[in-house]
């Protein structure tokens, strides 16, 4: 019997987030149309028209990419002690961020605990922030890989927290 849990983290989008995306899209459309209009007015001068068309394509593509990159989700998958992290772009493209064997974790606990500060103080620690909602209950996983210390901050569900606790080595769960 496998211990399996999967969680998709979506951003709790506010009205201001939606408004920013709409305003950015409108600005991008206006810039693209202005560049196309410049190109149309300069058809006699082939170089200026070509540059205008190229810049309008770049503006349209740039606007599209920026708006799409604001639609990010994280996916956590737990299977028998292995925790996989992935980033999902616009519900279509999935990028693997890494995998971690929970049995090799040095410390696990809530970000609001004192143990988090102990495990994140230092200059040589790599911080991986794989969460979207700052107001949710955040947890951390501290581990060492190839002699380098890293800390992952993420927002797991209670079910995922229970599975992680079950596979942690003795003393790794830190509550204070």
N, C-alpha and C. Protein backbone atom coordinates (compact mmCIF):
# COMPACT_ATOMS: atom_id res chain seq x y z
N UNK A 1 0.84 -1.17 0.00
CA UNK A 1 0.00 0.00 0.00
C UNK A 1 0.89 1.24 0.00
N UNK A 2 0.76 2.05 -1.01
CA UNK A 2 1.56 3.26 -1.13
C UNK A 2 0.97 4.40 -0.32
N UNK A 3 1.86 5.20 0.25
CA UNK A 3 1.46 6.46 0.86
C UNK A 3 1.62 7.52 -0.22
N UNK A 4 0.52 8.06 -0.69
CA UNK A 4 0.55 8.99 -1.81
C UNK A 4 -0.32 10.21 -1.52
N UNK A 5 0.22 11.37 -1.81
CA UNK A 5 -0.55 12.62 -1.71
C UNK A 5 -0.06 13.56 -2.79
N UNK A 6 -0.99 14.26 -3.37
CA UNK A 6 -0.65 15.24 -4.41
C UNK A 6 -1.39 16.53 -4.09
N UNK A 7 -0.69 17.65 -4.24
CA UNK A 7 -1.29 18.93 -3.91
C UNK A 7 -0.89 19.96 -4.95
N UNK A 8 -1.87 20.72 -5.41
CA UNK A 8 -1.64 21.80 -6.36
C UNK A 8 -1.88 23.12 -5.63
N UNK A 9 -0.88 23.98 -5.64
CA UNK A 9 -0.96 25.27 -4.95
C UNK A 9 -1.28 26.35 -5.97
N UNK A 10 -2.40 27.02 -5.75
CA UNK A 10 -2.80 28.12 -6.62
C UNK A 10 -2.73 29.41 -5.82
N UNK A 11 -2.42 30.49 -6.50
CA UNK A 11 -2.35 31.80 -5.84
C UNK A 11 -3.75 32.27 -5.50
N UNK A 12 -3.90 32.75 -4.28
CA UNK A 12 -5.15 33.38 -3.88
C UNK A 12 -5.16 34.76 -4.50
N UNK A 13 -5.73 34.85 -5.69
CA UNK A 13 -5.65 36.07 -6.48
C UNK A 13 -6.60 37.14 -5.95
N UNK A 14 -6.05 38.33 -5.76
CA UNK A 14 -6.85 39.45 -5.28
C UNK A 14 -7.34 40.26 -6.48
N UNK A 15 -8.23 41.20 -6.21
CA UNK A 15 -8.73 42.08 -7.27
C UNK A 15 -7.60 42.92 -7.85
N UNK A 16 -6.65 43.32 -7.01
CA UNK A 16 -5.53 44.12 -7.52
C UNK A 16 -4.63 43.30 -8.45
N UNK A 17 -4.47 42.01 -8.17
CA UNK A 17 -3.69 41.14 -9.08
C UNK A 17 -4.34 41.06 -10.45
N UNK A 18 -5.66 40.88 -10.47
CA UNK A 18 -6.39 40.83 -11.74
C UNK A 18 -6.31 42.16 -12.47
N UNK A 19 -6.44 43.25 -11.71
CA UNK A 19 -6.38 44.58 -12.32
C UNK A 19 -5.00 44.83 -12.93
N UNK A 20 -3.94 44.43 -12.24
CA UNK A 20 -2.58 44.59 -12.78
C UNK A 20 -2.43 43.85 -14.10
N UNK A 21 -2.94 42.61 -14.15
CA UNK A 21 -2.83 41.82 -15.37
C UNK A 21 -3.61 42.45 -16.51
N UNK A 22 -4.80 42.99 -16.22
CA UNK A 22 -5.61 43.63 -17.24
C UNK A 22 -4.93 44.90 -17.75
N UNK A 23 -4.42 45.73 -16.82
CA UNK A 23 -3.74 46.97 -17.21
C UNK A 23 -2.50 46.66 -18.05
N UNK A 24 -1.73 45.66 -17.65
CA UNK A 24 -0.54 45.28 -18.41
C UNK A 24 -0.91 44.81 -19.81
N UNK A 25 -1.97 44.04 -19.92
CA UNK A 25 -2.42 43.57 -21.22
C UNK A 25 -2.85 44.75 -22.10
N UNK A 26 -3.59 45.68 -21.55
CA UNK A 26 -4.04 46.84 -22.32
C UNK A 26 -2.85 47.69 -22.78
N UNK A 27 -1.89 47.91 -21.88
CA UNK A 27 -0.70 48.68 -22.26
C UNK A 27 0.06 47.97 -23.37
N UNK A 28 0.21 46.66 -23.26
CA UNK A 28 0.90 45.90 -24.31
C UNK A 28 0.20 45.99 -25.64
N UNK A 29 -1.13 45.92 -25.64
CA UNK A 29 -1.90 46.03 -26.88
C UNK A 29 -1.72 47.42 -27.49
N UNK A 30 -1.78 48.45 -26.66
CA UNK A 30 -1.63 49.83 -27.16
C UNK A 30 -0.24 50.03 -27.77
N UNK A 31 0.80 49.57 -27.07
CA UNK A 31 2.16 49.71 -27.60
C UNK A 31 2.31 48.95 -28.92
N UNK A 32 1.77 47.75 -28.98
CA UNK A 32 1.83 46.95 -30.22
C UNK A 32 1.13 47.66 -31.37
N UNK A 33 -0.07 48.18 -31.11
CA UNK A 33 -0.81 48.88 -32.17
C UNK A 33 -0.12 50.16 -32.60
N UNK A 34 0.47 50.88 -31.65
CA UNK A 34 1.20 52.11 -32.02
C UNK A 34 2.40 51.79 -32.90
N UNK A 35 3.11 50.73 -32.59
CA UNK A 35 4.26 50.34 -33.41
C UNK A 35 3.82 49.89 -34.80
N UNK A 36 2.70 49.17 -34.88
CA UNK A 36 2.18 48.77 -36.19
C UNK A 36 1.73 49.99 -36.99
N UNK A 37 1.12 50.97 -36.33
CA UNK A 37 0.71 52.20 -37.00
C UNK A 37 1.92 52.96 -37.51
N UNK A 38 2.99 53.02 -36.73
CA UNK A 38 4.23 53.66 -37.18
C UNK A 38 4.77 52.96 -38.41
N UNK A 39 4.74 51.64 -38.39
CA UNK A 39 5.23 50.87 -39.54
C UNK A 39 4.37 51.14 -40.78
N UNK A 40 3.05 51.23 -40.60
CA UNK A 40 2.16 51.49 -41.74
C UNK A 40 2.37 52.87 -42.31
N UNK A 41 2.64 53.86 -41.45
CA UNK A 41 2.84 55.23 -41.92
C UNK A 41 4.18 55.39 -42.63
N UNK A 42 5.12 54.51 -42.38
CA UNK A 42 6.45 54.61 -42.96
C UNK A 42 6.71 53.55 -44.02
N UNK A 43 5.66 53.17 -44.76
CA UNK A 43 5.84 52.11 -45.77
C UNK A 43 6.82 52.52 -46.86
N UNK A 44 6.94 53.84 -47.14
CA UNK A 44 7.89 54.28 -48.16
C UNK A 44 9.33 54.02 -47.71
N UNK A 45 9.58 54.15 -46.43
CA UNK A 45 10.90 53.89 -45.89
C UNK A 45 10.90 52.45 -45.35
N UNK A 46 11.41 51.55 -46.15
CA UNK A 46 11.35 50.13 -45.83
C UNK A 46 12.03 49.75 -44.52
N UNK A 47 13.14 50.41 -44.19
CA UNK A 47 13.87 50.08 -42.97
C UNK A 47 13.06 50.43 -41.73
N UNK A 48 12.46 51.62 -41.69
CA UNK A 48 11.67 52.04 -40.54
C UNK A 48 10.43 51.14 -40.40
N UNK A 49 9.79 50.81 -41.54
CA UNK A 49 8.61 49.94 -41.50
C UNK A 49 8.98 48.56 -40.96
N UNK A 50 10.10 48.02 -41.41
CA UNK A 50 10.55 46.70 -40.94
C UNK A 50 10.86 46.73 -39.45
N UNK A 51 11.54 47.77 -38.99
CA UNK A 51 11.85 47.89 -37.56
C UNK A 51 10.57 48.02 -36.76
N UNK A 52 9.60 48.79 -37.24
CA UNK A 52 8.32 48.94 -36.55
C UNK A 52 7.58 47.62 -36.42
N UNK A 53 7.59 46.83 -37.49
CA UNK A 53 6.91 45.54 -37.46
C UNK A 53 7.61 44.58 -36.50
N UNK A 54 8.94 44.57 -36.55
CA UNK A 54 9.69 43.70 -35.63
C UNK A 54 9.44 44.10 -34.18
N UNK A 55 9.48 45.39 -33.89
CA UNK A 55 9.24 45.86 -32.52
C UNK A 55 7.81 45.56 -32.06
N UNK A 56 6.85 45.64 -32.97
CA UNK A 56 5.47 45.33 -32.58
C UNK A 56 5.31 43.84 -32.25
N UNK A 57 5.98 42.98 -33.01
CA UNK A 57 5.95 41.55 -32.72
C UNK A 57 6.61 41.27 -31.37
N UNK A 58 7.75 41.93 -31.12
CA UNK A 58 8.44 41.75 -29.83
C UNK A 58 7.56 42.24 -28.68
N UNK A 59 6.89 43.39 -28.85
CA UNK A 59 6.01 43.92 -27.81
C UNK A 59 4.84 42.98 -27.55
N UNK A 60 4.25 42.44 -28.60
CA UNK A 60 3.11 41.52 -28.43
C UNK A 60 3.56 40.24 -27.73
N UNK A 61 4.69 39.70 -28.16
CA UNK A 61 5.19 38.46 -27.55
C UNK A 61 5.59 38.71 -26.10
N UNK A 62 6.26 39.84 -25.83
CA UNK A 62 6.66 40.17 -24.47
C UNK A 62 5.47 40.32 -23.54
N UNK A 63 4.43 40.98 -24.02
CA UNK A 63 3.22 41.13 -23.21
C UNK A 63 2.60 39.77 -22.91
N UNK A 64 2.52 38.93 -23.93
CA UNK A 64 1.96 37.59 -23.76
C UNK A 64 2.75 36.80 -22.72
N UNK A 65 4.09 36.83 -22.81
CA UNK A 65 4.94 36.07 -21.88
C UNK A 65 4.82 36.59 -20.45
N UNK A 66 4.76 37.89 -20.28
CA UNK A 66 4.66 38.46 -18.93
C UNK A 66 3.33 38.09 -18.30
N UNK A 67 2.25 38.20 -19.07
CA UNK A 67 0.92 37.86 -18.54
C UNK A 67 0.86 36.36 -18.22
N UNK A 68 1.40 35.52 -19.09
CA UNK A 68 1.39 34.08 -18.85
C UNK A 68 2.24 33.69 -17.65
N UNK A 69 3.36 34.39 -17.45
CA UNK A 69 4.24 34.03 -16.33
C UNK A 69 3.62 34.40 -14.99
N UNK A 70 2.61 35.24 -14.98
CA UNK A 70 1.95 35.57 -13.72
C UNK A 70 0.97 34.48 -13.31
N UNK A 71 0.74 33.51 -14.16
CA UNK A 71 -0.18 32.40 -13.87
C UNK A 71 0.61 31.15 -13.53
N UNK A 72 1.23 31.16 -12.35
CA UNK A 72 2.09 30.06 -11.91
C UNK A 72 1.40 29.31 -10.78
N UNK A 73 1.60 27.98 -10.78
CA UNK A 73 1.12 27.13 -9.70
C UNK A 73 2.27 26.20 -9.31
N UNK A 74 2.23 25.70 -8.09
CA UNK A 74 3.20 24.70 -7.64
C UNK A 74 2.48 23.39 -7.39
N UNK A 75 3.18 22.30 -7.65
CA UNK A 75 2.62 20.97 -7.42
C UNK A 75 3.59 20.19 -6.53
N UNK A 76 3.05 19.65 -5.44
CA UNK A 76 3.82 18.80 -4.54
C UNK A 76 3.27 17.39 -4.65
N UNK A 77 4.14 16.41 -4.85
CA UNK A 77 3.73 15.01 -4.94
C UNK A 77 4.56 14.19 -3.96
N UNK A 78 3.88 13.48 -3.08
CA UNK A 78 4.53 12.65 -2.07
C UNK A 78 4.22 11.20 -2.36
N UNK A 79 5.26 10.37 -2.49
CA UNK A 79 5.08 8.94 -2.70
C UNK A 79 6.09 8.18 -1.86
N UNK A 80 5.61 7.50 -0.83
CA UNK A 80 6.44 6.63 0.00
C UNK A 80 7.76 7.27 0.44
N UNK A 81 7.71 8.47 0.95
CA UNK A 81 8.90 9.12 1.47
C UNK A 81 9.64 10.00 0.49
N UNK A 82 9.22 10.02 -0.74
CA UNK A 82 9.84 10.88 -1.75
C UNK A 82 8.91 12.05 -2.04
N UNK A 83 9.44 13.25 -1.96
CA UNK A 83 8.65 14.45 -2.19
C UNK A 83 9.16 15.14 -3.45
N UNK A 84 8.29 15.26 -4.44
CA UNK A 84 8.64 15.89 -5.72
C UNK A 84 7.99 17.26 -5.79
N UNK A 85 8.73 18.23 -6.34
CA UNK A 85 8.24 19.59 -6.50
C UNK A 85 8.25 19.94 -7.98
N UNK A 86 7.19 20.63 -8.42
CA UNK A 86 7.11 21.07 -9.81
C UNK A 86 6.42 22.43 -9.88
N UNK A 87 6.75 23.17 -10.92
CA UNK A 87 6.12 24.45 -11.19
C UNK A 87 5.28 24.27 -12.46
N UNK A 88 4.03 24.75 -12.40
CA UNK A 88 3.12 24.61 -13.53
C UNK A 88 2.81 26.00 -14.07
N UNK A 89 3.04 26.20 -15.36
CA UNK A 89 2.79 27.48 -16.00
C UNK A 89 1.48 27.42 -16.79
N UNK A 90 0.55 28.30 -16.46
CA UNK A 90 -0.69 28.46 -17.20
C UNK A 90 -1.45 27.14 -17.39
N UNK A 91 -1.42 26.27 -16.40
CA UNK A 91 -2.10 24.97 -16.43
C UNK A 91 -1.66 24.07 -17.58
N UNK A 92 -0.54 24.36 -18.22
CA UNK A 92 -0.13 23.58 -19.38
C UNK A 92 1.28 23.02 -19.26
N UNK A 93 2.23 23.89 -19.03
CA UNK A 93 3.63 23.49 -19.04
C UNK A 93 4.09 23.20 -17.61
N UNK A 94 4.73 22.07 -17.43
CA UNK A 94 5.17 21.63 -16.11
C UNK A 94 6.69 21.55 -16.10
N UNK A 95 7.31 22.18 -15.09
CA UNK A 95 8.76 22.15 -14.95
C UNK A 95 9.10 21.51 -13.61
N UNK A 96 9.86 20.44 -13.64
CA UNK A 96 10.27 19.77 -12.41
C UNK A 96 11.30 20.64 -11.68
N UNK A 97 11.09 20.85 -10.38
CA UNK A 97 12.01 21.64 -9.58
C UNK A 97 12.97 20.76 -8.79
N UNK A 98 12.58 19.54 -8.54
CA UNK A 98 13.46 18.64 -7.82
C UNK A 98 12.70 17.61 -7.01
N UNK A 99 13.46 16.70 -6.45
CA UNK A 99 12.91 15.62 -5.65
C UNK A 99 13.74 15.50 -4.38
N UNK A 100 13.09 15.10 -3.30
CA UNK A 100 13.76 15.03 -2.02
C UNK A 100 13.30 13.80 -1.27
N UNK A 101 14.26 13.03 -0.77
CA UNK A 101 13.95 11.89 0.08
C UNK A 101 13.77 12.43 1.50
N UNK A 102 12.57 12.34 2.03
CA UNK A 102 12.25 12.92 3.33
C UNK A 102 13.09 12.28 4.45
N UNK A 103 13.51 11.05 4.28
CA UNK A 103 14.32 10.38 5.31
C UNK A 103 15.70 11.03 5.46
N UNK A 104 16.12 11.85 4.52
CA UNK A 104 17.43 12.50 4.58
C UNK A 104 17.34 13.97 4.96
N UNK A 105 16.17 14.41 5.42
CA UNK A 105 15.96 15.80 5.82
C UNK A 105 16.58 16.04 7.19
N UNK A 106 17.25 17.18 7.35
CA UNK A 106 17.85 17.54 8.63
C UNK A 106 16.81 18.12 9.59
N UNK A 107 15.88 18.93 9.06
CA UNK A 107 14.87 19.55 9.92
C UNK A 107 13.63 19.87 9.11
N UNK A 108 12.48 19.79 9.78
CA UNK A 108 11.19 20.10 9.18
C UNK A 108 10.34 20.78 10.24
N UNK A 109 9.66 21.84 9.86
CA UNK A 109 8.80 22.52 10.81
C UNK A 109 8.13 23.73 10.18
N UNK A 110 7.42 24.47 11.03
CA UNK A 110 6.74 25.67 10.56
C UNK A 110 7.74 26.82 10.42
N UNK A 111 7.48 27.66 9.43
CA UNK A 111 8.34 28.81 9.20
C UNK A 111 8.29 29.78 10.39
N UNK A 112 7.18 29.82 11.07
CA UNK A 112 7.03 30.73 12.20
C UNK A 112 7.74 30.26 13.47
N UNK A 113 8.36 29.11 13.42
CA UNK A 113 9.04 28.58 14.61
C UNK A 113 10.45 29.14 14.71
N UNK A 114 11.02 29.03 15.89
CA UNK A 114 12.39 29.47 16.11
C UNK A 114 13.40 28.59 15.39
N UNK A 115 13.04 27.35 15.16
CA UNK A 115 13.97 26.44 14.48
C UNK A 115 14.21 26.89 13.04
N UNK A 116 13.23 27.52 12.43
CA UNK A 116 13.41 28.02 11.06
C UNK A 116 14.54 29.04 11.02
N UNK A 117 14.54 29.95 11.97
CA UNK A 117 15.59 30.98 12.02
C UNK A 117 16.96 30.34 12.26
N UNK A 118 17.01 29.31 13.08
CA UNK A 118 18.28 28.63 13.32
C UNK A 118 18.81 27.96 12.05
N UNK A 119 17.92 27.38 11.27
CA UNK A 119 18.35 26.64 10.08
C UNK A 119 18.56 27.53 8.86
N UNK A 120 18.11 28.77 8.92
CA UNK A 120 18.28 29.66 7.76
C UNK A 120 19.31 30.75 8.01
N UNK A 121 19.89 30.79 9.20
CA UNK A 121 20.93 31.80 9.44
C UNK A 121 22.25 31.27 8.91
N UNK A 122 22.90 32.09 8.19
CA UNK A 122 24.16 31.70 7.56
C UNK A 122 24.19 32.18 6.12
N UNK A 123 25.39 32.40 5.64
CA UNK A 123 25.54 32.95 4.29
C UNK A 123 25.53 31.89 3.19
N UNK A 124 25.88 30.68 3.52
CA UNK A 124 26.05 29.65 2.49
C UNK A 124 24.82 28.76 2.33
N UNK A 125 23.66 29.21 2.78
CA UNK A 125 22.44 28.40 2.69
C UNK A 125 21.62 28.83 1.48
N UNK A 126 21.24 27.88 0.67
CA UNK A 126 20.42 28.15 -0.51
C UNK A 126 18.95 28.13 -0.10
N UNK A 127 18.23 29.21 -0.40
CA UNK A 127 16.82 29.33 -0.05
C UNK A 127 15.97 29.08 -1.29
N UNK A 128 15.07 28.11 -1.20
CA UNK A 128 14.16 27.77 -2.30
C UNK A 128 12.74 28.09 -1.83
N UNK A 129 12.11 29.05 -2.45
CA UNK A 129 10.77 29.49 -2.05
C UNK A 129 9.76 28.97 -3.06
N UNK A 130 9.12 27.88 -2.72
CA UNK A 130 8.17 27.22 -3.62
C UNK A 130 6.77 27.30 -3.03
N UNK A 131 6.31 28.53 -2.86
CA UNK A 131 4.96 28.79 -2.36
C UNK A 131 4.43 30.04 -3.06
N UNK A 132 3.13 30.25 -2.97
CA UNK A 132 2.50 31.41 -3.62
C UNK A 132 1.76 32.32 -2.65
N UNK A 133 1.30 31.79 -1.55
CA UNK A 133 0.45 32.55 -0.64
C UNK A 133 1.16 32.77 0.68
N UNK A 134 1.61 33.99 0.91
CA UNK A 134 2.34 34.32 2.14
C UNK A 134 1.47 34.20 3.39
N UNK A 135 0.16 34.33 3.22
CA UNK A 135 -0.73 34.29 4.39
C UNK A 135 -1.12 32.87 4.80
N UNK A 136 -0.71 31.87 4.05
CA UNK A 136 -1.02 30.48 4.43
C UNK A 136 0.04 29.98 5.40
N UNK A 137 -0.19 28.82 5.99
CA UNK A 137 0.76 28.25 6.94
C UNK A 137 1.92 27.62 6.17
N UNK A 138 3.08 28.22 6.30
CA UNK A 138 4.25 27.77 5.55
C UNK A 138 5.12 26.85 6.41
N UNK A 139 5.73 25.88 5.75
CA UNK A 139 6.64 24.94 6.39
C UNK A 139 7.98 24.99 5.68
N UNK A 140 8.99 24.46 6.32
CA UNK A 140 10.31 24.41 5.70
C UNK A 140 10.89 22.99 5.82
N UNK A 141 11.76 22.68 4.89
CA UNK A 141 12.55 21.46 4.91
C UNK A 141 14.01 21.88 4.78
N UNK A 142 14.83 21.56 5.76
CA UNK A 142 16.25 21.85 5.71
C UNK A 142 16.99 20.55 5.41
N UNK A 143 17.91 20.61 4.46
CA UNK A 143 18.65 19.42 4.07
C UNK A 143 20.01 19.80 3.52
N UNK A 144 20.88 18.81 3.42
CA UNK A 144 22.21 19.01 2.84
C UNK A 144 22.35 18.09 1.64
N UNK A 145 22.91 18.63 0.58
CA UNK A 145 23.15 17.84 -0.62
C UNK A 145 24.53 18.21 -1.14
N UNK A 146 25.37 17.22 -1.27
CA UNK A 146 26.73 17.40 -1.74
C UNK A 146 27.48 18.45 -0.90
N UNK A 147 27.24 18.44 0.40
CA UNK A 147 27.92 19.34 1.31
C UNK A 147 27.35 20.75 1.37
N UNK A 148 26.32 21.04 0.61
CA UNK A 148 25.72 22.37 0.61
C UNK A 148 24.36 22.31 1.28
N UNK A 149 24.11 23.28 2.17
CA UNK A 149 22.84 23.32 2.88
C UNK A 149 21.80 24.09 2.07
N UNK A 150 20.58 23.58 2.12
CA UNK A 150 19.46 24.22 1.43
C UNK A 150 18.23 24.18 2.31
N UNK A 151 17.33 25.13 2.07
CA UNK A 151 16.06 25.17 2.79
C UNK A 151 14.96 25.42 1.77
N UNK A 152 13.95 24.55 1.78
CA UNK A 152 12.77 24.72 0.94
C UNK A 152 11.64 25.24 1.81
N UNK A 153 11.02 26.33 1.38
CA UNK A 153 9.83 26.85 2.05
C UNK A 153 8.65 26.56 1.13
N UNK A 154 7.61 25.91 1.68
CA UNK A 154 6.46 25.54 0.87
C UNK A 154 5.20 25.54 1.73
N UNK A 155 4.04 25.33 1.11
CA UNK A 155 2.76 25.39 1.82
C UNK A 155 1.98 24.08 1.66
N UNK A 156 2.37 23.06 2.43
CA UNK A 156 1.72 21.75 2.30
C UNK A 156 0.38 21.70 3.03
N UNK A 157 -0.45 20.76 2.60
CA UNK A 157 -1.72 20.49 3.28
C UNK A 157 -1.44 19.69 4.55
N UNK A 158 -2.44 19.56 5.41
CA UNK A 158 -2.27 18.77 6.63
C UNK A 158 -1.97 17.31 6.31
N UNK A 159 -2.61 16.78 5.28
CA UNK A 159 -2.35 15.40 4.88
C UNK A 159 -0.89 15.22 4.49
N UNK A 160 -0.36 16.15 3.72
CA UNK A 160 1.03 16.08 3.29
C UNK A 160 1.98 16.21 4.49
N UNK A 161 1.65 17.10 5.42
CA UNK A 161 2.47 17.26 6.63
C UNK A 161 2.51 15.95 7.42
N UNK A 162 1.37 15.28 7.55
CA UNK A 162 1.32 14.01 8.28
C UNK A 162 2.18 12.95 7.61
N UNK A 163 2.14 12.86 6.29
CA UNK A 163 2.97 11.89 5.57
C UNK A 163 4.46 12.21 5.77
N UNK A 164 4.80 13.49 5.68
CA UNK A 164 6.20 13.88 5.84
C UNK A 164 6.69 13.52 7.25
N UNK A 165 5.90 13.83 8.26
CA UNK A 165 6.28 13.52 9.65
C UNK A 165 6.53 12.02 9.84
N UNK A 166 5.73 11.21 9.18
CA UNK A 166 5.84 9.75 9.30
C UNK A 166 7.19 9.24 8.79
N UNK A 167 7.75 9.87 7.76
CA UNK A 167 8.98 9.39 7.14
C UNK A 167 10.23 10.13 7.61
N UNK A 168 10.09 11.15 8.44
CA UNK A 168 11.25 11.93 8.90
C UNK A 168 12.15 11.09 9.81
N UNK A 169 13.45 11.36 9.78
CA UNK A 169 14.33 10.70 10.75
C UNK A 169 14.07 11.25 12.15
N UNK A 170 14.48 10.51 13.15
CA UNK A 170 14.25 10.90 14.53
C UNK A 170 14.88 12.27 14.81
N UNK A 171 14.12 13.17 15.42
CA UNK A 171 14.61 14.48 15.80
C UNK A 171 14.54 15.54 14.71
N UNK A 172 14.10 15.17 13.52
CA UNK A 172 14.06 16.15 12.42
C UNK A 172 12.85 17.08 12.50
N UNK A 173 11.76 16.59 13.12
CA UNK A 173 10.58 17.46 13.25
C UNK A 173 10.82 18.46 14.35
N UNK A 174 10.85 19.73 14.00
CA UNK A 174 11.15 20.82 14.94
C UNK A 174 9.91 21.64 15.16
N UNK A 175 9.50 21.80 16.42
CA UNK A 175 8.30 22.57 16.71
C UNK A 175 8.57 23.93 17.30
N UNK A 176 9.76 24.17 17.83
CA UNK A 176 10.02 25.49 18.41
C UNK A 176 11.28 26.11 17.86
